[in-house]
Amino acid sequence: MFRIGDYTFAWLRGSRGDVINAPSALGKRSTAADVIATIKPDLSGKVAIVTGGNSGIGVETVKALASAKCKVIMACRNVAAGKAAREDMYRRYDIDVEELDLNDLASVKAFANRVNAVDLLVLNAGIMAMNQKELTVDGFEKQIGVNHFGHAYLTRLLRPKLEARGTLETPSRIVVVASVAHTFADEEWTLQDLDFKQVKYSPWGAYGNSKLANILFAKALAKRLPETVTAVSLHPGVIRTPLWRNLGRVVGFLVSRFLADKSIPQGAATTVWAAVAPSVPCGEYLDDCAVASKRSDQAKDDTLADALWDVTESRLDAAVAKRGL
């Protein structure tokens, strides 16, 4: 069941629990540019990393953050596509393009080693509903491997640099782009079969699992961070982006049935809001520039989040050891 709520909030919890007012002008129809124009952040001296920043909502996120004087590293698998996307932006923006293939932990480590400093880590890249089961270089089912494990390893490697830059007044931020599709996850999701070795592979089920993992990862991470770093997850909206490319003829059916409810600039708004709002609720799941009113029971489960954290750490340790990284 794919339900898109029309969530509207006038307030949210602060990064560690205080109640603050949110800009009332921001909501479902806001664009990333609207967020920057409303909040007017000055990100001079800040460094942001946006994975998958060369297409879809990633491009809009890069553009918005760069427009606020942030130096942005566009981390993408296809460097040529990244450079082409950068050429389409204003030349005054400070944007670097770096190779990052989340399908390969060696590429993740090489990228992290090239990063000198980071204040905002936007985990945006992803793949969706692959028709056939595939594995990453390190043996993870590809959707959860790219969408979750690759990002989890990147976060592990960059966490010391984020902690070094964050302060109580201006915490560093980790923004995880999840999805309402986390509701597609198996209701009896077993962390011991994330690669569909025992259960039959399902394109949408695998995608739902990976998006649920995104939400639970942000929840578990938030409990393990110092107060100088904030982690959140979010639903960007249902948007026509290159993510749909794996679906072929199914696209028409999905869009007509579920109705894409946001443009690409609108789809990037909550990501940008999570990165630049004066305070965001650590560990929460966001939607429409606010705390989401709806999520699955699994997405609320602290015990499941902690269990996923343990499984993720264990499997990453094993994969890193096997590769000698």
Protein backbone atom coordinates (compact mmCIF):
# COMPACT_ATOMS: atom_id res chain seq x y z
CA MET A 1 0.00 0.00 0.00
CA PHE A 2 1.49 3.35 -1.05
CA ARG A 3 -0.01 6.25 0.88
CA ILE A 4 1.19 9.83 0.53
CA GLY A 5 0.08 12.02 3.41
CA ASP A 6 -0.35 15.76 3.28
CA TYR A 7 1.56 16.51 6.48
CA THR A 8 1.62 20.08 7.77
CA PHE A 9 3.22 21.18 11.06
CA ALA A 10 3.78 24.68 12.46
CA TRP A 11 6.37 23.54 15.01
CA LEU A 12 9.02 20.91 15.66
CA ARG A 13 11.33 19.76 18.35
CA GLY A 14 14.79 21.28 18.51
CA SER A 15 17.94 19.25 17.94
CA ARG A 16 17.94 18.01 21.55
CA GLY A 17 14.31 18.46 22.52
CA ASP A 18 13.55 22.19 22.75
CA VAL A 19 10.43 23.41 20.94
CA ILE A 20 11.02 26.03 18.27
CA ASN A 21 8.91 27.75 15.65
CA ALA A 22 9.34 26.60 12.07
CA PRO A 23 8.93 29.04 9.18
CA SER A 24 5.20 28.86 8.45
CA ALA A 25 5.79 29.64 4.77
CA LEU A 26 7.51 26.29 4.20
CA GLY A 27 5.62 23.09 3.48
CA LYS A 28 4.62 20.56 0.87
CA ARG A 29 4.79 22.92 -2.11
CA SER A 30 8.02 24.66 -1.11
CA THR A 31 11.11 24.28 -3.27
CA ALA A 32 14.73 24.02 -2.18
CA ALA A 33 15.19 27.62 -3.30
CA ASP A 34 12.22 28.64 -1.13
CA VAL A 35 13.92 27.10 1.90
CA ILE A 36 17.08 29.10 1.28
CA ALA A 37 15.10 32.31 0.66
CA THR A 38 13.04 31.85 3.84
CA ILE A 39 15.77 30.79 6.28
CA LYS A 40 18.56 32.82 4.66
CA PRO A 41 21.41 30.68 5.98
CA ASP A 42 24.99 31.86 5.62
CA LEU A 43 27.04 28.72 5.04
CA SER A 44 30.30 30.53 4.40
CA GLY A 45 33.19 28.30 5.43
CA LYS A 46 30.98 25.19 5.59
CA VAL A 47 31.57 22.07 3.51
CA ALA A 48 28.72 19.82 2.35
CA ILE A 49 28.87 16.42 0.70
CA VAL A 50 25.89 15.33 -1.39
CA THR A 51 25.96 11.75 -2.64
CA GLY A 52 24.27 11.30 -6.00
CA GLY A 53 24.47 15.04 -6.49
CA ASN A 54 24.61 14.85 -10.27
CA SER A 55 20.94 14.13 -10.96
CA GLY A 56 17.38 14.42 -9.67
CA ILE A 57 16.87 16.01 -6.27
CA GLY A 58 20.61 15.72 -5.68
CA VAL A 59 21.30 18.48 -8.22
CA GLU A 60 18.72 20.76 -6.60
CA THR A 61 20.23 20.08 -3.18
CA VAL A 62 23.73 20.93 -4.42
CA LYS A 63 22.49 24.10 -6.08
CA ALA A 64 20.58 25.28 -3.00
CA LEU A 65 23.43 24.69 -0.56
CA ALA A 66 25.97 26.28 -2.90
CA SER A 67 23.71 29.33 -3.30
CA ALA A 68 24.06 29.84 0.48
CA LYS A 69 27.86 30.14 0.08
CA CYS A 70 28.56 26.54 1.06
CA LYS A 71 31.38 24.63 -0.59
CA VAL A 72 29.71 21.49 -1.96
CA ILE A 73 31.34 18.21 -2.92
CA MET A 74 29.19 16.44 -5.48
CA ALA A 75 29.94 12.76 -4.82
CA CYS A 76 28.83 10.61 -7.74
CA ARG A 77 29.55 7.33 -9.46
CA ASN A 78 29.69 8.97 -12.89
CA VAL A 79 32.22 11.80 -12.70
CA ALA A 80 31.53 12.93 -16.27
CA ALA A 81 27.82 13.29 -15.46
CA GLY A 82 28.75 15.21 -12.32
CA LYS A 83 30.93 17.63 -14.23
CA ALA A 84 28.19 18.12 -16.81
CA ALA A 85 25.69 18.88 -14.02
CA ARG A 86 28.13 21.34 -12.49
CA GLU A 87 28.50 23.13 -15.83
CA ASP A 88 24.76 23.76 -15.85
CA MET A 89 25.01 25.66 -12.57
CA TYR A 90 26.18 29.20 -12.03
CA ARG A 91 29.95 29.48 -12.27
CA ARG A 92 30.10 31.44 -9.03
CA TYR A 93 29.15 28.34 -7.04
CA ASP A 94 31.96 26.51 -5.23
CA ILE A 95 31.34 22.91 -6.30
CA ASP A 96 33.79 20.03 -6.59
CA VAL A 97 33.03 16.72 -8.29
CA GLU A 98 34.45 13.55 -6.75
CA GLU A 99 34.03 9.89 -7.65
CA LEU A 100 32.05 7.78 -5.19
CA ASP A 101 30.66 4.35 -6.05
CA LEU A 102 28.50 3.16 -3.16
CA ASN A 103 28.42 -0.26 -4.81
CA ASP A 104 32.07 -0.76 -3.78
CA LEU A 105 33.37 -0.18 -0.24
CA ALA A 106 36.88 0.38 -1.62
CA SER A 107 35.55 3.37 -3.59
CA VAL A 108 33.80 4.64 -0.46
CA LYS A 109 37.03 4.48 1.53
CA ALA A 110 39.05 6.14 -1.23
CA PHE A 111 36.54 8.98 -1.38
CA ALA A 112 36.47 9.44 2.40
CA ASN A 113 40.26 9.59 2.46
CA ARG A 114 40.15 12.53 0.03
CA VAL A 115 37.78 14.52 2.24
CA ASN A 116 39.59 16.99 4.48
CA ALA A 117 36.57 18.45 6.28
CA VAL A 118 32.79 18.16 6.24
CA ASP A 119 29.95 19.93 8.07
CA LEU A 120 26.90 18.61 6.20
CA LEU A 121 26.68 15.03 4.96
CA VAL A 122 23.66 14.44 2.72
CA LEU A 123 23.11 10.75 1.98
CA ASN A 124 20.98 11.22 -1.11
CA ALA A 125 22.12 8.65 -3.70
CA GLY A 126 20.04 5.56 -4.25
CA ILE A 127 18.72 2.92 -6.61
CA MET A 128 15.13 1.76 -6.79
CA ALA A 129 13.16 -1.42 -7.56
CA MET A 130 15.71 -3.30 -9.64
CA ASN A 131 13.88 -5.98 -11.60
CA GLN A 132 16.44 -8.69 -10.91
CA LYS A 133 18.42 -9.37 -7.78
CA GLU A 134 22.00 -8.18 -8.04
CA LEU A 135 24.85 -8.01 -5.54
CA THR A 136 27.34 -5.26 -4.79
CA VAL A 137 31.08 -5.80 -5.09
CA ASP A 138 31.06 -6.75 -1.40
CA GLY A 139 28.18 -9.22 -1.66
CA PHE A 140 25.26 -7.18 -0.33
CA GLU A 141 21.92 -7.26 -2.14
CA LYS A 142 22.38 -4.24 -4.33
CA GLN A 143 19.54 -2.00 -3.17
CA ILE A 144 20.30 -2.27 0.52
CA GLY A 145 24.00 -2.41 -0.33
CA VAL A 146 23.99 0.95 -2.11
CA ASN A 147 21.18 2.71 -0.25
CA HIS A 148 22.18 1.60 3.25
CA PHE A 149 25.50 -0.24 3.67
CA GLY A 150 27.51 2.03 1.37
CA HIS A 151 26.16 5.11 3.12
CA ALA A 152 26.65 3.57 6.57
CA TYR A 153 30.31 2.90 5.78
CA LEU A 154 30.75 6.43 4.43
CA THR A 155 29.22 7.82 7.61
CA ARG A 156 31.51 5.68 9.76
CA LEU A 157 34.57 6.99 7.94
CA LEU A 158 33.49 10.65 7.96
CA ARG A 159 32.05 10.73 11.46
CA PRO A 160 35.29 11.91 13.15
CA LYS A 161 35.51 14.78 10.67
CA LEU A 162 31.88 15.75 11.29
CA GLU A 163 32.41 15.64 15.05
CA ALA A 164 35.52 17.78 14.72
CA ARG A 165 33.58 20.54 12.94
CA GLY A 166 30.33 20.57 14.90
CA THR A 167 29.54 22.81 17.87
CA LEU A 168 26.60 23.07 20.27
CA GLU A 169 25.53 26.27 18.49
CA THR A 170 25.93 24.89 14.96
CA PRO A 171 25.97 21.08 15.00
CA SER A 172 27.23 19.18 11.99
CA ARG A 173 24.39 17.35 10.26
CA ILE A 174 23.83 13.98 8.66
CA VAL A 175 20.75 13.99 6.43
CA VAL A 176 19.52 10.60 5.20
CA VAL A 177 17.11 10.61 2.26
CA ALA A 178 14.67 7.76 2.96
CA SER A 179 11.13 7.38 1.60
CA VAL A 180 7.51 6.65 2.43
CA ALA A 181 8.30 3.43 0.55
CA HIS A 182 9.74 2.15 3.83
CA THR A 183 6.18 0.89 4.32
CA PHE A 184 6.90 -1.70 1.59
CA ALA A 185 9.34 -3.49 3.89
CA ASP A 186 8.39 -6.99 4.99
CA GLU A 187 6.30 -6.81 8.16
CA GLU A 188 8.37 -9.66 9.52
CA TRP A 189 11.62 -8.18 8.28
CA THR A 190 14.51 -10.40 9.30
CA LEU A 191 17.89 -8.80 9.68
CA GLN A 192 19.48 -12.17 9.07
CA ASP A 193 18.28 -12.32 5.44
CA LEU A 194 18.91 -8.81 4.10
CA ASP A 195 20.28 -10.30 0.86
CA PHE A 196 17.23 -12.44 -0.02
CA LYS A 197 19.06 -15.74 0.26
CA GLN A 198 16.12 -17.45 1.94
CA VAL A 199 13.17 -15.27 0.97
CA LYS A 200 12.21 -14.73 -2.68
CA TYR A 201 13.54 -11.43 -4.04
CA SER A 202 11.00 -8.66 -4.61
CA PRO A 203 12.03 -5.41 -6.36
CA TRP A 204 9.75 -3.23 -4.28
CA GLY A 205 10.25 -5.28 -1.14
CA ALA A 206 14.02 -4.86 -1.43
CA TYR A 207 13.61 -1.13 -2.00
CA GLY A 208 11.27 -0.86 0.98
CA ASN A 209 13.76 -2.74 3.15
CA SER A 210 16.53 -0.34 2.13
CA LYS A 211 14.42 2.74 2.89
CA LEU A 212 13.35 1.34 6.27
CA ALA A 213 17.04 0.72 6.93
CA ASN A 214 17.71 4.40 6.15
CA ILE A 215 15.21 5.55 8.78
CA LEU A 216 16.36 3.07 11.42
CA PHE A 217 20.00 3.89 10.73
CA ALA A 218 19.42 7.60 11.33
CA LYS A 219 17.48 6.78 14.51
CA ALA A 220 20.22 4.50 15.87
CA LEU A 221 23.01 6.84 14.79
CA ALA A 222 21.39 9.80 16.54
CA LYS A 223 21.63 8.00 19.88
CA ARG A 224 25.35 7.42 19.37
CA LEU A 225 26.37 10.92 18.33
CA PRO A 226 27.63 13.74 20.54
CA GLU A 227 25.41 16.81 20.87
CA THR A 228 27.58 18.53 18.27
CA VAL A 229 26.24 16.31 15.47
CA THR A 230 22.60 15.79 14.42
CA ALA A 231 21.24 12.95 12.27
CA VAL A 232 17.78 12.82 10.64
CA SER A 233 15.99 10.95 7.86
CA LEU A 234 13.27 12.16 5.52
CA HIS A 235 10.75 11.45 2.81
CA PRO A 236 11.34 13.81 -0.15
CA GLY A 237 8.02 13.16 -1.89
CA VAL A 238 7.03 11.09 -4.92
CA ILE A 239 8.94 12.64 -7.79
CA ARG A 240 9.68 11.85 -11.42
CA THR A 241 13.46 11.40 -11.25
CA PRO A 242 16.03 9.05 -12.85
CA LEU A 243 15.27 6.57 -10.04
CA TRP A 244 12.34 5.41 -12.14
CA ARG A 245 14.62 4.18 -14.94
CA ASN A 246 14.64 0.57 -13.74
CA LEU A 247 10.88 0.25 -14.04
CA GLY A 248 10.29 0.64 -17.78
CA ARG A 249 6.62 0.30 -18.64
CA VAL A 250 5.69 0.14 -14.98
CA VAL A 251 6.40 3.87 -14.65
CA GLY A 252 3.18 4.92 -16.33
CA PHE A 253 1.14 2.68 -14.06
CA LEU A 254 2.89 3.86 -10.89
CA VAL A 255 2.63 7.54 -11.68
CA SER A 256 -1.01 7.26 -12.71
CA ARG A 257 -1.88 5.11 -9.68
CA PHE A 258 0.10 6.91 -7.00
CA LEU A 259 0.52 10.34 -8.60
CA ALA A 260 3.88 12.03 -8.38
CA ASP A 261 3.13 14.74 -5.87
CA LYS A 262 6.18 16.98 -6.17
CA SER A 263 8.47 18.49 -8.77
CA ILE A 264 12.22 17.88 -8.47
CA PRO A 265 12.85 21.33 -6.87
CA GLN A 266 10.04 20.62 -4.38
CA GLY A 267 11.46 17.15 -3.74
CA ALA A 268 14.75 18.64 -2.56
CA ALA A 269 13.11 21.08 -0.12
CA THR A 270 12.98 18.86 2.96
CA THR A 271 16.58 17.74 2.42
CA VAL A 272 17.75 21.34 2.29
CA TRP A 273 15.53 22.30 5.22
CA ALA A 274 17.07 19.48 7.29
CA ALA A 275 20.53 20.81 6.42
CA VAL A 276 19.99 24.53 7.07
CA ALA A 277 17.09 25.06 9.50
CA PRO A 278 18.22 26.68 12.78
CA SER A 279 17.41 23.45 14.63
CA VAL A 280 16.20 20.03 13.57
CA PRO A 281 14.95 17.10 15.66
CA CYS A 282 17.77 14.64 16.13
CA GLY A 283 16.82 11.10 15.12
CA GLU A 284 13.46 12.07 13.64
CA TYR A 285 11.88 11.28 10.28
CA LEU A 286 10.85 14.40 8.34
CA ASP A 287 8.46 15.28 5.53
CA ASP A 288 7.36 18.58 3.96
CA CYS A 289 9.90 20.63 5.99
CA ALA A 290 8.58 19.32 9.31
CA VAL A 291 8.42 16.22 11.47
CA ALA A 292 6.39 13.58 9.59
CA SER A 293 3.08 12.68 11.18
CA LYS A 294 3.04 9.16 9.75
CA ARG A 295 5.53 6.32 9.55
CA SER A 296 5.30 2.56 9.93
CA ASP A 297 5.46 0.87 13.33
CA GLN A 298 8.77 -0.67 12.26
CA ALA A 299 10.20 2.79 11.60
CA LYS A 300 9.35 3.77 15.18
CA ASP A 301 10.96 0.67 16.71
CA ASP A 302 14.04 1.59 18.76
CA THR A 303 14.85 -2.07 19.40
CA LEU A 304 14.79 -2.81 15.68
CA ALA A 305 16.97 0.25 15.03
CA ASP A 306 19.56 -0.96 17.53
CA ALA A 307 19.46 -4.46 16.07
CA LEU A 308 20.00 -3.10 12.56
CA TRP A 309 22.91 -1.02 13.87
CA ASP A 310 24.58 -4.12 15.30
CA VAL A 311 24.04 -6.16 12.13
CA THR A 312 25.31 -3.27 9.97
CA GLU A 313 28.47 -2.82 12.03
CA SER A 314 29.15 -6.56 12.04
CA ARG A 315 28.65 -7.00 8.31
CA LEU A 316 30.69 -3.92 7.45
CA ASP A 317 33.51 -5.15 9.69
CA ALA A 318 33.46 -8.51 7.92
CA ALA A 319 33.37 -6.98 4.43
CA VAL A 320 36.17 -4.51 5.24
CA ALA A 321 38.34 -7.31 6.67
CA LYS A 322 37.70 -9.53 3.65
CA ARG A 323 38.77 -6.75 1.27
CA GLY A 324 41.70 -5.67 3.43
CA LEU A 325 40.44 -2.09 3.52
